[in-house]
Amino acid sequence: MDKLWAHLIKVQPDPDPWVVVVSALVALAIVSFGVTWHLSRGLITIAHEGGHALMALLTRRKLEGIRLHSDTSGVTVTRGRPTGPGMVLTALAGYLAPSLLGLAAAWLTEQGRITLLIWTVLLFLVCMLLLIRNLYGALILLATGGAVFALSMYAPSKMQQVVALVAVWFLLFGGVRPIIELQRKRRRRQARDSDADQLARLTFLPGGFYVFFFLLVAAASVVGGAYLMNPL
């Protein structure tokens, strides 16, 4: 156990400044272009639904399961009081999760804890796999978890560092775009059951307030992550 813990918390040297910048540009390109975003958006959905699930557990709601769909949507089913703080916090957590996870990952990366970050992600995926209730969701988690496991076992440390940097930037940038897409759908009245609209029905605040709050947290996370990983 001592050797395993020492392996997990070992510190890697700081990346070259150009590696940080290039990884940010790569992640921004993935999020910005339609084709790459469509192919990768499911990873943001995993973080989104994981946020709902974690908050449901923390607020002692009964977690029925998670479904991930091929159109990159997802749903987390919980049981408990249909109103109250637990339901509000569970609904609130989804759109915040990718950005906050990205910020936490940026902190670990800044500390040089790349190995710890990779194994934390792997543990997160395994926990989600236990909660998945559809075949596609299980397959996408197995594929993602397998890729992360292969990275941790077979990739050299430099490659692990580069992939981790791209993943961190992807979470930070990828946390913003779904919120913008949500507001566009709300303007066209195509998202009546969105998290923001559910929160509006649960509280006295309008759905637009929650969209603004989601966006504020996501933007602050990008700024915070950029500050932590500032290569200069």
C-alpha atoms as a PDB file:
ATOM      1  CA  MET A   1       0.000   0.000   0.000  1.00  0.00           C
ATOM      2  CA  ASP A   2       2.837   2.374   0.786  1.00  0.00           C
ATOM      3  CA  LYS A   3       4.331   1.820  -2.655  1.00  0.00           C
ATOM      4  CA  LEU A   4       0.948   2.320  -4.323  1.00  0.00           C
ATOM      5  CA  TRP A   5       0.330   5.548  -2.429  1.00  0.00           C
ATOM      6  CA  ALA A   6       3.828   6.793  -3.246  1.00  0.00           C
ATOM      7  CA  HIS A   7       3.148   6.039  -6.909  1.00  0.00           C
ATOM      8  CA  LEU A   8      -0.173   7.908  -6.837  1.00  0.00           C
ATOM      9  CA  ILE A   9       1.154  11.059  -5.211  1.00  0.00           C
ATOM     10  CA  LYS A  10       4.458  11.318  -7.033  1.00  0.00           C
ATOM     11  CA  VAL A  11       5.090  14.747  -8.498  1.00  0.00           C
ATOM     12  CA  GLN A  12       5.920  15.211 -12.165  1.00  0.00           C
ATOM     13  CA  PRO A  13       8.037  18.158 -13.305  1.00  0.00           C
ATOM     14  CA  ASP A  14       6.267  21.209 -14.689  1.00  0.00           C
ATOM     15  CA  PRO A  15       5.452  21.019 -18.408  1.00  0.00           C
ATOM     16  CA  ASP A  16       7.123  23.346 -20.862  1.00  0.00           C
ATOM     17  CA  PRO A  17       5.108  26.567 -21.342  1.00  0.00           C
ATOM     18  CA  TRP A  18       4.454  25.804 -25.001  1.00  0.00           C
ATOM     19  CA  VAL A  19       2.900  22.435 -24.044  1.00  0.00           C
ATOM     20  CA  VAL A  20       0.349  24.180 -21.812  1.00  0.00           C
ATOM     21  CA  VAL A  21      -0.517  26.705 -24.524  1.00  0.00           C
ATOM     22  CA  VAL A  22      -0.789  24.129 -27.307  1.00  0.00           C
ATOM     23  CA  SER A  23      -2.913  21.813 -25.155  1.00  0.00           C
ATOM     24  CA  ALA A  24      -5.290  24.716 -24.453  1.00  0.00           C
ATOM     25  CA  LEU A  25      -5.556  25.507 -28.170  1.00  0.00           C
ATOM     26  CA  VAL A  26      -6.213  21.847 -29.007  1.00  0.00           C
ATOM     27  CA  ALA A  27      -8.976  21.614 -26.398  1.00  0.00           C
ATOM     28  CA  LEU A  28     -10.497  24.893 -27.566  1.00  0.00           C
ATOM     29  CA  ALA A  29     -10.519  23.626 -31.157  1.00  0.00           C
ATOM     30  CA  ILE A  30     -12.240  20.388 -30.093  1.00  0.00           C
ATOM     31  CA  VAL A  31     -14.961  22.330 -28.297  1.00  0.00           C
ATOM     32  CA  SER A  32     -15.349  24.980 -31.007  1.00  0.00           C
ATOM     33  CA  PHE A  33     -15.794  22.848 -34.142  1.00  0.00           C
ATOM     34  CA  GLY A  34     -19.082  21.064 -34.681  1.00  0.00           C
ATOM     35  CA  VAL A  35     -17.750  17.652 -35.717  1.00  0.00           C
ATOM     36  CA  THR A  36     -15.187  17.294 -32.941  1.00  0.00           C
ATOM     37  CA  TRP A  37     -17.632  18.683 -30.398  1.00  0.00           C
ATOM     38  CA  HIS A  38     -20.291  16.168 -31.396  1.00  0.00           C
ATOM     39  CA  LEU A  39     -17.787  13.318 -31.064  1.00  0.00           C
ATOM     40  CA  SER A  40     -16.462  14.462 -27.683  1.00  0.00           C
ATOM     41  CA  ARG A  41     -19.535  16.008 -26.055  1.00  0.00           C
ATOM     42  CA  GLY A  42     -20.446  12.686 -24.454  1.00  0.00           C
ATOM     43  CA  LEU A  43     -17.476  13.126 -22.113  1.00  0.00           C
ATOM     44  CA  ILE A  44     -19.037  16.342 -20.817  1.00  0.00           C
ATOM     45  CA  THR A  45     -22.331  14.489 -20.400  1.00  0.00           C
ATOM     46  CA  ILE A  46     -20.546  11.903 -18.243  1.00  0.00           C
ATOM     47  CA  ALA A  47     -19.295  14.704 -15.973  1.00  0.00           C
ATOM     48  CA  HIS A  48     -22.739  16.379 -16.014  1.00  0.00           C
ATOM     49  CA  GLU A  49     -24.637  13.255 -14.970  1.00  0.00           C
ATOM     50  CA  GLY A  50     -21.901  12.357 -12.514  1.00  0.00           C
ATOM     51  CA  GLY A  51     -22.466  15.733 -10.862  1.00  0.00           C
ATOM     52  CA  HIS A  52     -26.177  15.018 -10.479  1.00  0.00           C
ATOM     53  CA  ALA A  53     -25.449  11.567  -9.071  1.00  0.00           C
ATOM     54  CA  LEU A  54     -22.812  12.745  -6.584  1.00  0.00           C
ATOM     55  CA  MET A  55     -25.023  15.536  -5.266  1.00  0.00           C
ATOM     56  CA  ALA A  56     -27.962  13.152  -4.955  1.00  0.00           C
ATOM     57  CA  LEU A  57     -25.826  10.882  -2.779  1.00  0.00           C
ATOM     58  CA  LEU A  58     -24.519  13.800  -0.712  1.00  0.00           C
ATOM     59  CA  THR A  59     -28.067  15.051  -0.069  1.00  0.00           C
ATOM     60  CA  ARG A  60     -29.204  11.500   0.789  1.00  0.00           C
ATOM     61  CA  ARG A  61     -31.582  11.096  -2.122  1.00  0.00           C
ATOM     62  CA  LYS A  62     -32.061   7.548  -3.411  1.00  0.00           C
ATOM     63  CA  LEU A  63     -30.111   7.164  -6.646  1.00  0.00           C
ATOM     64  CA  GLU A  64     -31.978   4.917  -9.078  1.00  0.00           C
ATOM     65  CA  GLY A  65     -29.444   5.024 -11.912  1.00  0.00           C
ATOM     66  CA  ILE A  66     -27.896   6.907 -14.821  1.00  0.00           C
ATOM     67  CA  ARG A  67     -28.522   6.626 -18.559  1.00  0.00           C
ATOM     68  CA  LEU A  68     -26.228   7.964 -21.277  1.00  0.00           C
ATOM     69  CA  HIS A  69     -27.635   8.194 -24.801  1.00  0.00           C
ATOM     70  CA  SER A  70     -26.033   8.144 -28.240  1.00  0.00           C
ATOM     71  CA  ASP A  71     -27.230  11.710 -28.959  1.00  0.00           C
ATOM     72  CA  THR A  72     -24.928  12.819 -26.081  1.00  0.00           C
ATOM     73  CA  SER A  73     -27.852  13.471 -23.754  1.00  0.00           C
ATOM     74  CA  GLY A  74     -28.226  11.779 -20.401  1.00  0.00           C
ATOM     75  CA  VAL A  75     -30.513  11.443 -17.412  1.00  0.00           C
ATOM     76  CA  THR A  76     -29.976  10.708 -13.732  1.00  0.00           C
ATOM     77  CA  VAL A  77     -32.984   9.285 -11.908  1.00  0.00           C
ATOM     78  CA  THR A  78     -33.345   9.856  -8.168  1.00  0.00           C
ATOM     79  CA  ARG A  79     -36.071   9.271  -5.623  1.00  0.00           C
ATOM     80  CA  GLY A  80     -37.021  11.357  -2.638  1.00  0.00           C
ATOM     81  CA  ARG A  81     -38.886  14.541  -1.909  1.00  0.00           C
ATOM     82  CA  PRO A  82     -39.869  16.258  -5.194  1.00  0.00           C
ATOM     83  CA  THR A  83     -39.048  19.627  -3.641  1.00  0.00           C
ATOM     84  CA  GLY A  84     -36.663  20.985  -1.038  1.00  0.00           C
ATOM     85  CA  PRO A  85     -32.908  21.660  -0.795  1.00  0.00           C
ATOM     86  CA  GLY A  86     -31.837  18.146  -1.812  1.00  0.00           C
ATOM     87  CA  MET A  87     -33.738  18.285  -5.086  1.00  0.00           C
ATOM     88  CA  VAL A  88     -32.563  21.844  -5.794  1.00  0.00           C
ATOM     89  CA  LEU A  89     -28.897  21.000  -5.185  1.00  0.00           C
ATOM     90  CA  THR A  90     -29.145  17.832  -7.281  1.00  0.00           C
ATOM     91  CA  ALA A  91     -30.638  19.760 -10.216  1.00  0.00           C
ATOM     92  CA  LEU A  92     -28.073  22.524  -9.772  1.00  0.00           C
ATOM     93  CA  ALA A  93     -25.048  20.226  -9.869  1.00  0.00           C
ATOM     94  CA  GLY A  94     -25.229  18.992 -13.466  1.00  0.00           C
ATOM     95  CA  TYR A  95     -24.151  22.026 -15.474  1.00  0.00           C
ATOM     96  CA  LEU A  96     -21.652  23.038 -12.783  1.00  0.00           C
ATOM     97  CA  ALA A  97     -19.914  19.662 -12.600  1.00  0.00           C
ATOM     98  CA  PRO A  98     -17.707  19.752 -15.754  1.00  0.00           C
ATOM     99  CA  SER A  99     -16.341  23.197 -14.923  1.00  0.00           C
ATOM    100  CA  LEU A 100     -15.731  22.465 -11.246  1.00  0.00           C
ATOM    101  CA  LEU A 101     -14.153  19.115 -12.075  1.00  0.00           C
ATOM    102  CA  GLY A 102     -11.951  20.913 -14.587  1.00  0.00           C
ATOM    103  CA  LEU A 103     -10.928  23.442 -11.947  1.00  0.00           C
ATOM    104  CA  ALA A 104     -10.075  20.685  -9.454  1.00  0.00           C
ATOM    105  CA  ALA A 105      -8.131  18.854 -12.164  1.00  0.00           C
ATOM    106  CA  ALA A 106      -6.263  22.067 -12.988  1.00  0.00           C
ATOM    107  CA  TRP A 107      -5.202  22.317  -9.349  1.00  0.00           C
ATOM    108  CA  LEU A 108      -3.913  18.725  -9.360  1.00  0.00           C
ATOM    109  CA  THR A 109      -2.103  19.368 -12.641  1.00  0.00           C
ATOM    110  CA  GLU A 110      -0.510  22.529 -11.259  1.00  0.00           C
ATOM    111  CA  GLN A 111       0.708  20.453  -8.311  1.00  0.00           C
ATOM    112  CA  GLY A 112       2.241  17.927 -10.695  1.00  0.00           C
ATOM    113  CA  ARG A 113      -0.091  15.160  -9.477  1.00  0.00           C
ATOM    114  CA  ILE A 114      -0.807  13.754 -12.932  1.00  0.00           C
ATOM    115  CA  THR A 115      -0.868  10.119 -11.783  1.00  0.00           C
ATOM    116  CA  LEU A 116      -3.289  10.939  -8.969  1.00  0.00           C
ATOM    117  CA  LEU A 117      -5.504  12.830 -11.430  1.00  0.00           C
ATOM    118  CA  ILE A 118      -5.614   9.919 -13.882  1.00  0.00           C
ATOM    119  CA  TRP A 119      -6.490   7.370 -11.200  1.00  0.00           C
ATOM    120  CA  THR A 120      -9.112   9.681  -9.692  1.00  0.00           C
ATOM    121  CA  VAL A 121     -10.766   9.905 -13.107  1.00  0.00           C
ATOM    122  CA  LEU A 122     -10.600   6.131 -13.435  1.00  0.00           C
ATOM    123  CA  LEU A 123     -12.250   5.687 -10.023  1.00  0.00           C
ATOM    124  CA  PHE A 124     -14.953   8.186 -11.006  1.00  0.00           C
ATOM    125  CA  LEU A 125     -15.697   6.215 -14.192  1.00  0.00           C
ATOM    126  CA  VAL A 126     -15.843   2.888 -12.325  1.00  0.00           C
ATOM    127  CA  CYS A 127     -18.318   4.344  -9.820  1.00  0.00           C
ATOM    128  CA  MET A 128     -20.476   5.657 -12.644  1.00  0.00           C
ATOM    129  CA  LEU A 129     -20.358   2.288 -14.392  1.00  0.00           C
ATOM    130  CA  LEU A 130     -21.939   0.702 -11.321  1.00  0.00           C
ATOM    131  CA  LEU A 131     -24.850   3.121 -11.659  1.00  0.00           C
ATOM    132  CA  ILE A 132     -25.423   2.873 -15.416  1.00  0.00           C
ATOM    133  CA  ARG A 133     -28.764   1.387 -16.481  1.00  0.00           C
ATOM    134  CA  ASN A 134     -28.463   1.170 -20.280  1.00  0.00           C
ATOM    135  CA  LEU A 135     -26.164  -0.657 -22.695  1.00  0.00           C
ATOM    136  CA  TYR A 136     -24.875   2.376 -24.596  1.00  0.00           C
ATOM    137  CA  GLY A 137     -23.958   4.109 -21.347  1.00  0.00           C
ATOM    138  CA  ALA A 138     -22.076   1.024 -20.166  1.00  0.00           C
ATOM    139  CA  LEU A 139     -20.195   0.751 -23.458  1.00  0.00           C
ATOM    140  CA  ILE A 140     -19.143   4.419 -23.541  1.00  0.00           C
ATOM    141  CA  LEU A 141     -17.932   4.241 -19.938  1.00  0.00           C
ATOM    142  CA  LEU A 142     -16.034   1.009 -20.584  1.00  0.00           C
ATOM    143  CA  ALA A 143     -14.384   2.537 -23.655  1.00  0.00           C
ATOM    144  CA  THR A 144     -13.476   5.732 -21.802  1.00  0.00           C
ATOM    145  CA  GLY A 145     -12.271   3.873 -18.733  1.00  0.00           C
ATOM    146  CA  GLY A 146     -10.245   1.480 -20.876  1.00  0.00           C
ATOM    147  CA  ALA A 147      -8.530   4.383 -22.610  1.00  0.00           C
ATOM    148  CA  VAL A 148      -7.720   6.024 -19.265  1.00  0.00           C
ATOM    149  CA  PHE A 149      -6.412   2.740 -17.853  1.00  0.00           C
ATOM    150  CA  ALA A 150      -4.226   2.146 -20.921  1.00  0.00           C
ATOM    151  CA  LEU A 151      -2.882   5.685 -20.595  1.00  0.00           C
ATOM    152  CA  SER A 152      -1.956   5.122 -16.957  1.00  0.00           C
ATOM    153  CA  MET A 153      -0.324   1.746 -17.559  1.00  0.00           C
ATOM    154  CA  TYR A 154       1.447   2.048 -20.897  1.00  0.00           C
ATOM    155  CA  ALA A 155       1.945   5.706 -21.835  1.00  0.00           C
ATOM    156  CA  PRO A 156       5.195   7.465 -20.866  1.00  0.00           C
ATOM    157  CA  SER A 157       4.905  10.188 -18.260  1.00  0.00           C
ATOM    158  CA  LYS A 158       5.307  12.993 -20.800  1.00  0.00           C
ATOM    159  CA  MET A 159       2.395  11.690 -22.842  1.00  0.00           C
ATOM    160  CA  GLN A 160       0.293  11.313 -19.704  1.00  0.00           C
ATOM    161  CA  GLN A 161       1.031  14.920 -18.883  1.00  0.00           C
ATOM    162  CA  VAL A 162       0.012  16.170 -22.340  1.00  0.00           C
ATOM    163  CA  VAL A 163      -3.216  14.152 -22.378  1.00  0.00           C
ATOM    164  CA  ALA A 164      -4.044  15.345 -18.859  1.00  0.00           C
ATOM    165  CA  LEU A 165      -3.527  18.972 -19.876  1.00  0.00           C
ATOM    166  CA  VAL A 166      -5.777  18.613 -22.924  1.00  0.00           C
ATOM    167  CA  ALA A 167      -8.417  16.889 -20.772  1.00  0.00           C
ATOM    168  CA  VAL A 168      -8.323  19.631 -18.140  1.00  0.00           C
ATOM    169  CA  TRP A 169      -8.708  22.384 -20.728  1.00  0.00           C
ATOM    170  CA  PHE A 170     -11.446  20.356 -22.419  1.00  0.00           C
ATOM    171  CA  LEU A 171     -13.444  20.176 -19.184  1.00  0.00           C
ATOM    172  CA  LEU A 172     -13.011  23.907 -18.608  1.00  0.00           C
ATOM    173  CA  PHE A 173     -13.958  24.968 -22.145  1.00  0.00           C
ATOM    174  CA  GLY A 174     -16.466  22.149 -22.541  1.00  0.00           C
ATOM    175  CA  GLY A 175     -18.284  23.287 -19.425  1.00  0.00           C
ATOM    176  CA  VAL A 176     -19.198  26.556 -21.154  1.00  0.00           C
ATOM    177  CA  ARG A 177     -20.618  25.437 -24.495  1.00  0.00           C
ATOM    178  CA  PRO A 178     -23.538  23.305 -23.185  1.00  0.00           C
ATOM    179  CA  ILE A 179     -24.763  26.295 -21.183  1.00  0.00           C
ATOM    180  CA  ILE A 180     -24.794  28.476 -24.301  1.00  0.00           C
ATOM    181  CA  GLU A 181     -26.589  25.690 -26.187  1.00  0.00           C
ATOM    182  CA  LEU A 182     -29.106  25.428 -23.341  1.00  0.00           C
ATOM    183  CA  GLN A 183     -29.988  29.108 -23.562  1.00  0.00           C
ATOM    184  CA  ARG A 184     -30.424  28.871 -27.333  1.00  0.00           C
ATOM    185  CA  LYS A 185     -32.850  25.987 -26.873  1.00  0.00           C
ATOM    186  CA  ARG A 186     -34.721  27.874 -24.159  1.00  0.00           C
ATOM    187  CA  ARG A 187     -35.162  30.847 -26.481  1.00  0.00           C
ATOM    188  CA  ARG A 188     -36.751  28.497 -29.020  1.00  0.00           C
ATOM    189  CA  ARG A 189     -38.802  26.900 -26.233  1.00  0.00           C
ATOM    190  CA  GLN A 190     -37.168  23.527 -26.870  1.00  0.00           C
ATOM    191  CA  ALA A 191     -35.904  22.882 -23.344  1.00  0.00           C
ATOM    192  CA  ARG A 192     -38.947  23.064 -21.088  1.00  0.00           C
ATOM    193  CA  ASP A 193     -37.599  20.269 -18.866  1.00  0.00           C
ATOM    194  CA  SER A 194     -34.004  21.512 -18.685  1.00  0.00           C
ATOM    195  CA  ASP A 195     -32.199  21.746 -15.353  1.00  0.00           C
ATOM    196  CA  ALA A 196     -32.672  25.524 -15.364  1.00  0.00           C
ATOM    197  CA  ASP A 197     -36.429  25.228 -15.909  1.00  0.00           C
ATOM    198  CA  GLN A 198     -36.741  22.520 -13.280  1.00  0.00           C
ATOM    199  CA  LEU A 199     -34.934  24.815 -10.850  1.00  0.00           C
ATOM    200  CA  ALA A 200     -37.294  27.648 -11.773  1.00  0.00           C
ATOM    201  CA  ARG A 201     -40.250  25.437 -10.833  1.00  0.00           C
ATOM    202  CA  LEU A 202     -38.550  24.425  -7.587  1.00  0.00           C
ATOM    203  CA  THR A 203     -37.654  27.966  -6.499  1.00  0.00           C
ATOM    204  CA  PHE A 204     -38.883  31.527  -6.877  1.00  0.00           C
ATOM    205  CA  LEU A 205     -36.120  32.436  -9.340  1.00  0.00           C
ATOM    206  CA  PRO A 206     -36.574  32.338 -13.145  1.00  0.00           C
ATOM    207  CA  GLY A 207     -34.783  29.839 -15.370  1.00  0.00           C
ATOM    208  CA  GLY A 208     -32.731  32.613 -16.952  1.00  0.00           C
ATOM    209  CA  PHE A 209     -31.137  33.336 -13.585  1.00  0.00           C
ATOM    210  CA  TYR A 210     -29.854  29.776 -13.343  1.00  0.00           C
ATOM    211  CA  VAL A 211     -28.484  29.851 -16.882  1.00  0.00           C
ATOM    212  CA  PHE A 212     -26.610  33.034 -15.951  1.00  0.00           C
ATOM    213  CA  PHE A 213     -25.356  31.395 -12.740  1.00  0.00           C
ATOM    214  CA  PHE A 214     -24.172  28.310 -14.636  1.00  0.00           C
ATOM    215  CA  LEU A 215     -22.341  30.529 -17.106  1.00  0.00           C
ATOM    216  CA  LEU A 216     -20.794  32.650 -14.357  1.00  0.00           C
ATOM    217  CA  VAL A 217     -19.387  29.589 -12.577  1.00  0.00           C
ATOM    218  CA  ALA A 218     -18.134  28.109 -15.866  1.00  0.00           C
ATOM    219  CA  ALA A 219     -16.401  31.358 -16.863  1.00  0.00           C
ATOM    220  CA  ALA A 220     -14.865  31.754 -13.403  1.00  0.00           C
ATOM    221  CA  SER A 221     -13.600  28.167 -13.618  1.00  0.00           C
ATOM    222  CA  VAL A 222     -11.915  28.882 -16.951  1.00  0.00           C
ATOM    223  CA  VAL A 223     -10.229  31.944 -15.468  1.00  0.00           C
ATOM    224  CA  GLY A 224      -9.235  30.047 -12.320  1.00  0.00           C
ATOM    225  CA  GLY A 225      -7.935  27.094 -14.303  1.00  0.00           C
ATOM    226  CA  ALA A 226      -5.946  29.357 -16.597  1.00  0.00           C
ATOM    227  CA  TYR A 227      -4.444  31.100 -13.568  1.00  0.00           C
ATOM    228  CA  LEU A 228      -3.451  27.778 -11.993  1.00  0.00           C
ATOM    229  CA  MET A 229      -1.894  26.450 -15.187  1.00  0.00           C
ATOM    230  CA  ASN A 230      -0.321  29.729 -16.261  1.00  0.00           C
ATOM    231  CA  PRO A 231       2.908  28.648 -17.953  1.00  0.00           C
ATOM    232  CA  LEU A 232       4.639  32.006 -17.419  1.00  0.00           C
END
